[in-house]
Amino acid sequence: MTDPSPGVAAAVEGELRLLDPAVRASADLLSQVLHHDYREIDSSGRVWDRDTMIASLTAADAPRAGQMTASRMSGIQLADHLVHLTYDTETRGHLAHRSSVWRLTESGWELYYHQATPFGSAADAGPDTGPDTGPDTGAGVGG
């Protein structure tokens, strides 16, 4: 396996950073990771923007996601300033295919777009599309 490009490595690091409960509970830390034009389509089909996502995750009564495990994480550098990651997650028995687009800004790599699509079983996961580019833990922002 070859090492990922610096952009892919930074995007994987950013995805993994979003696993940290301290990051997910901090508006300041989320603001450092989420692009100002961030959008997400979660596994239920709901569309989120940056401000709504930050408010939802940092609310005192926010539900806390269970342990999320990622597999099959792979990425490709589409341009000097753009990386696309894909991976699958499992949390509390729920499976989702995930796709993230990361953009390089003056502040560093920021999550620009994320989408989660539920699927039923490991058999539905599809073919392995490439080498893993990070450890087997990861998460999208909203779920």
C-alpha atoms as a PDB file:
ATOM      1  CA  MET A   1       0.000   0.000   0.000  1.00  0.00           C
ATOM      2  CA  THR A   2       1.295   3.453  -0.846  1.00  0.00           C
ATOM      3  CA  ASP A   3       1.101   6.340   1.554  1.00  0.00           C
ATOM      4  CA  PRO A   4      -1.807   8.708   0.928  1.00  0.00           C
ATOM      5  CA  SER A   5      -1.150  12.204  -0.380  1.00  0.00           C
ATOM      6  CA  PRO A   6      -0.729  14.893   2.294  1.00  0.00           C
ATOM      7  CA  GLY A   7      -4.234  16.156   1.483  1.00  0.00           C
ATOM      8  CA  VAL A   8      -5.828  12.726   1.915  1.00  0.00           C
ATOM      9  CA  ALA A   9      -3.883  12.198   5.146  1.00  0.00           C
ATOM     10  CA  ALA A  10      -5.113  15.573   6.449  1.00  0.00           C
ATOM     11  CA  ALA A  11      -8.724  14.758   5.514  1.00  0.00           C
ATOM     12  CA  VAL A  12      -8.536  11.369   7.265  1.00  0.00           C
ATOM     13  CA  GLU A  13      -7.071  13.106  10.323  1.00  0.00           C
ATOM     14  CA  GLY A  14      -9.953  15.596  10.231  1.00  0.00           C
ATOM     15  CA  GLU A  15     -12.564  12.821  10.011  1.00  0.00           C
ATOM     16  CA  LEU A  16     -10.969  11.081  12.970  1.00  0.00           C
ATOM     17  CA  ARG A  17     -10.829  14.363  14.893  1.00  0.00           C
ATOM     18  CA  LEU A  18     -14.605  14.548  14.561  1.00  0.00           C
ATOM     19  CA  LEU A  19     -14.812  11.345  16.621  1.00  0.00           C
ATOM     20  CA  ASP A  20     -13.437  13.096  19.678  1.00  0.00           C
ATOM     21  CA  PRO A  21     -16.300  13.909  22.083  1.00  0.00           C
ATOM     22  CA  ALA A  22     -14.467  17.102  23.072  1.00  0.00           C
ATOM     23  CA  VAL A  23     -14.525  18.270  19.441  1.00  0.00           C
ATOM     24  CA  ARG A  24     -18.162  17.272  18.905  1.00  0.00           C
ATOM     25  CA  ALA A  25     -19.228  19.139  22.063  1.00  0.00           C
ATOM     26  CA  SER A  26     -17.287  22.341  21.317  1.00  0.00           C
ATOM     27  CA  ALA A  27     -18.594  25.041  18.990  1.00  0.00           C
ATOM     28  CA  ASP A  28     -15.069  26.499  18.781  1.00  0.00           C
ATOM     29  CA  LEU A  29     -13.468  23.199  17.798  1.00  0.00           C
ATOM     30  CA  LEU A  30     -16.238  22.317  15.312  1.00  0.00           C
ATOM     31  CA  SER A  31     -15.880  25.778  13.784  1.00  0.00           C
ATOM     32  CA  GLN A  32     -12.221  24.978  13.114  1.00  0.00           C
ATOM     33  CA  VAL A  33     -13.105  21.783  11.218  1.00  0.00           C
ATOM     34  CA  LEU A  34     -16.335  22.685   9.374  1.00  0.00           C
ATOM     35  CA  HIS A  35     -16.095  24.932   6.307  1.00  0.00           C
ATOM     36  CA  HIS A  36     -18.272  28.064   6.456  1.00  0.00           C
ATOM     37  CA  ASP A  37     -20.358  26.639   3.541  1.00  0.00           C
ATOM     38  CA  TYR A  38     -20.586  23.152   5.106  1.00  0.00           C
ATOM     39  CA  ARG A  39     -23.565  20.985   4.155  1.00  0.00           C
ATOM     40  CA  GLU A  40     -24.489  17.478   5.266  1.00  0.00           C
ATOM     41  CA  ILE A  41     -27.153  15.025   4.209  1.00  0.00           C
ATOM     42  CA  ASP A  42     -27.493  12.609   7.109  1.00  0.00           C
ATOM     43  CA  SER A  43     -28.586   8.979   6.970  1.00  0.00           C
ATOM     44  CA  SER A  44     -32.252   9.988   7.393  1.00  0.00           C
ATOM     45  CA  GLY A  45     -32.067  12.397   4.434  1.00  0.00           C
ATOM     46  CA  ARG A  46     -32.076  15.594   6.498  1.00  0.00           C
ATOM     47  CA  VAL A  47     -29.945  18.455   5.154  1.00  0.00           C
ATOM     48  CA  TRP A  48     -27.809  20.341   7.670  1.00  0.00           C
ATOM     49  CA  ASP A  49     -25.823  23.545   7.364  1.00  0.00           C
ATOM     50  CA  ARG A  50     -22.814  24.489   9.463  1.00  0.00           C
ATOM     51  CA  ASP A  51     -24.612  26.634  12.050  1.00  0.00           C
ATOM     52  CA  THR A  52     -27.447  24.136  12.542  1.00  0.00           C
ATOM     53  CA  MET A  53     -25.007  21.237  12.884  1.00  0.00           C
ATOM     54  CA  ILE A  54     -22.865  23.062  15.444  1.00  0.00           C
ATOM     55  CA  ALA A  55     -25.941  24.124  17.445  1.00  0.00           C
ATOM     56  CA  SER A  56     -27.332  20.582  17.384  1.00  0.00           C
ATOM     57  CA  LEU A  57     -24.089  18.887  18.445  1.00  0.00           C
ATOM     58  CA  THR A  58     -23.289  21.366  21.207  1.00  0.00           C
ATOM     59  CA  ALA A  59     -26.769  21.676  22.726  1.00  0.00           C
ATOM     60  CA  ALA A  60     -26.930  20.684  26.389  1.00  0.00           C
ATOM     61  CA  ASP A  61     -29.605  18.077  25.581  1.00  0.00           C
ATOM     62  CA  ALA A  62     -27.886  16.812  22.397  1.00  0.00           C
ATOM     63  CA  PRO A  63     -28.103  13.046  21.986  1.00  0.00           C
ATOM     64  CA  ARG A  64     -24.635  11.506  22.101  1.00  0.00           C
ATOM     65  CA  ALA A  65     -23.818   9.023  19.372  1.00  0.00           C
ATOM     66  CA  GLY A  66     -22.668   5.597  20.389  1.00  0.00           C
ATOM     67  CA  GLN A  67     -19.304   4.160  19.450  1.00  0.00           C
ATOM     68  CA  MET A  68     -18.905   4.513  15.684  1.00  0.00           C
ATOM     69  CA  THR A  69     -16.578   2.180  13.831  1.00  0.00           C
ATOM     70  CA  ALA A  70     -15.369   2.947  10.329  1.00  0.00           C
ATOM     71  CA  SER A  71     -14.040   0.569   7.729  1.00  0.00           C
ATOM     72  CA  ARG A  72     -12.954   0.677   4.102  1.00  0.00           C
ATOM     73  CA  MET A  73     -11.814   4.299   4.391  1.00  0.00           C
ATOM     74  CA  SER A  74     -10.187   5.486   1.213  1.00  0.00           C
ATOM     75  CA  GLY A  75      -9.505   8.841  -0.307  1.00  0.00           C
ATOM     76  CA  ILE A  76      -8.426  10.557  -3.462  1.00  0.00           C
ATOM     77  CA  GLN A  77      -6.965  13.996  -3.979  1.00  0.00           C
ATOM     78  CA  LEU A  78      -9.137  15.523  -6.713  1.00  0.00           C
ATOM     79  CA  ALA A  79      -7.156  18.774  -6.919  1.00  0.00           C
ATOM     80  CA  ASP A  80      -4.520  20.559  -4.843  1.00  0.00           C
ATOM     81  CA  HIS A  81      -7.292  21.974  -2.635  1.00  0.00           C
ATOM     82  CA  LEU A  82      -9.887  19.173  -2.772  1.00  0.00           C
ATOM     83  CA  VAL A  83     -10.074  15.637  -1.284  1.00  0.00           C
ATOM     84  CA  HIS A  84     -12.870  13.073  -1.441  1.00  0.00           C
ATOM     85  CA  LEU A  85     -13.107  10.367   1.259  1.00  0.00           C
ATOM     86  CA  THR A  86     -15.425   7.370   1.345  1.00  0.00           C
ATOM     87  CA  TYR A  87     -15.951   4.835   4.115  1.00  0.00           C
ATOM     88  CA  ASP A  88     -18.560   2.752   5.906  1.00  0.00           C
ATOM     89  CA  THR A  89     -19.636   3.118   9.524  1.00  0.00           C
ATOM     90  CA  GLU A  90     -21.442   0.998  12.063  1.00  0.00           C
ATOM     91  CA  THR A  91     -22.978   2.423  15.214  1.00  0.00           C
ATOM     92  CA  ARG A  92     -25.527   0.715  17.420  1.00  0.00           C
ATOM     93  CA  GLY A  93     -26.247  -1.764  14.628  1.00  0.00           C
ATOM     94  CA  HIS A  94     -26.852   0.953  12.012  1.00  0.00           C
ATOM     95  CA  LEU A  95     -24.708   0.791   8.888  1.00  0.00           C
ATOM     96  CA  ALA A  96     -23.993   3.712   6.550  1.00  0.00           C
ATOM     97  CA  HIS A  97     -21.892   4.441   3.499  1.00  0.00           C
ATOM     98  CA  ARG A  98     -20.232   7.831   3.989  1.00  0.00           C
ATOM     99  CA  SER A  99     -18.752  10.355   1.617  1.00  0.00           C
ATOM    100  CA  SER A 100     -16.902  13.540   2.583  1.00  0.00           C
ATOM    101  CA  VAL A 101     -15.397  16.370   0.585  1.00  0.00           C
ATOM    102  CA  TRP A 102     -12.591  18.339   2.226  1.00  0.00           C
ATOM    103  CA  ARG A 103     -11.341  21.732   1.009  1.00  0.00           C
ATOM    104  CA  LEU A 104      -8.022  23.364   1.688  1.00  0.00           C
ATOM    105  CA  THR A 105      -8.551  26.933   2.912  1.00  0.00           C
ATOM    106  CA  GLU A 106      -6.281  29.593   4.377  1.00  0.00           C
ATOM    107  CA  SER A 107      -7.058  28.010   7.769  1.00  0.00           C
ATOM    108  CA  GLY A 108      -6.192  24.460   6.660  1.00  0.00           C
ATOM    109  CA  TRP A 109      -8.287  21.478   5.590  1.00  0.00           C
ATOM    110  CA  GLU A 110     -12.008  21.884   6.376  1.00  0.00           C
ATOM    111  CA  LEU A 111     -14.976  19.565   5.885  1.00  0.00           C
ATOM    112  CA  TYR A 112     -17.079  21.053   3.089  1.00  0.00           C
ATOM    113  CA  TYR A 113     -19.669  18.321   2.444  1.00  0.00           C
ATOM    114  CA  HIS A 114     -20.702  15.048   4.068  1.00  0.00           C
ATOM    115  CA  GLN A 115     -23.345  12.471   3.198  1.00  0.00           C
ATOM    116  CA  ALA A 116     -24.422   9.255   4.888  1.00  0.00           C
ATOM    117  CA  THR A 117     -26.542   6.632   3.162  1.00  0.00           C
ATOM    118  CA  PRO A 118     -27.852   3.713   5.249  1.00  0.00           C
ATOM    119  CA  PHE A 119     -27.451   0.151   4.048  1.00  0.00           C
ATOM    120  CA  GLY A 120     -28.755  -3.139   5.401  1.00  0.00           C
ATOM    121  CA  SER A 121     -25.896  -5.591   5.845  1.00  0.00           C
ATOM    122  CA  ALA A 122     -22.242  -6.265   5.205  1.00  0.00           C
ATOM    123  CA  ALA A 123     -23.325  -8.045   2.019  1.00  0.00           C
ATOM    124  CA  ASP A 124     -24.739  -4.709   0.800  1.00  0.00           C
ATOM    125  CA  ALA A 125     -21.441  -2.913   1.388  1.00  0.00           C
ATOM    126  CA  GLY A 126     -20.211  -3.529  -2.148  1.00  0.00           C
ATOM    127  CA  PRO A 127     -16.730  -4.254  -3.430  1.00  0.00           C
ATOM    128  CA  ASP A 128     -13.685  -2.953  -1.626  1.00  0.00           C
ATOM    129  CA  THR A 129     -12.739   0.027  -3.784  1.00  0.00           C
ATOM    130  CA  GLY A 130      -9.259   0.712  -2.559  1.00  0.00           C
ATOM    131  CA  PRO A 131      -6.714   0.489   0.200  1.00  0.00           C
ATOM    132  CA  ASP A 132      -7.507   1.808   3.645  1.00  0.00           C
ATOM    133  CA  THR A 133      -5.928   5.205   4.297  1.00  0.00           C
ATOM    134  CA  GLY A 134      -6.422   5.297   8.028  1.00  0.00           C
ATOM    135  CA  PRO A 135      -7.298   3.290  11.113  1.00  0.00           C
ATOM    136  CA  ASP A 136     -10.585   1.421  11.372  1.00  0.00           C
ATOM    137  CA  THR A 137     -12.349   4.127  13.374  1.00  0.00           C
ATOM    138  CA  GLY A 138     -13.995   7.222  11.969  1.00  0.00           C
ATOM    139  CA  ALA A 139     -17.187   9.226  11.812  1.00  0.00           C
ATOM    140  CA  GLY A 140     -19.085  11.845   9.978  1.00  0.00           C
ATOM    141  CA  VAL A 141     -20.340  14.827  11.834  1.00  0.00           C
ATOM    142  CA  GLY A 142     -24.057  14.338  12.297  1.00  0.00           C
ATOM    143  CA  GLY A 143     -24.571  10.659  11.940  1.00  0.00           C
END
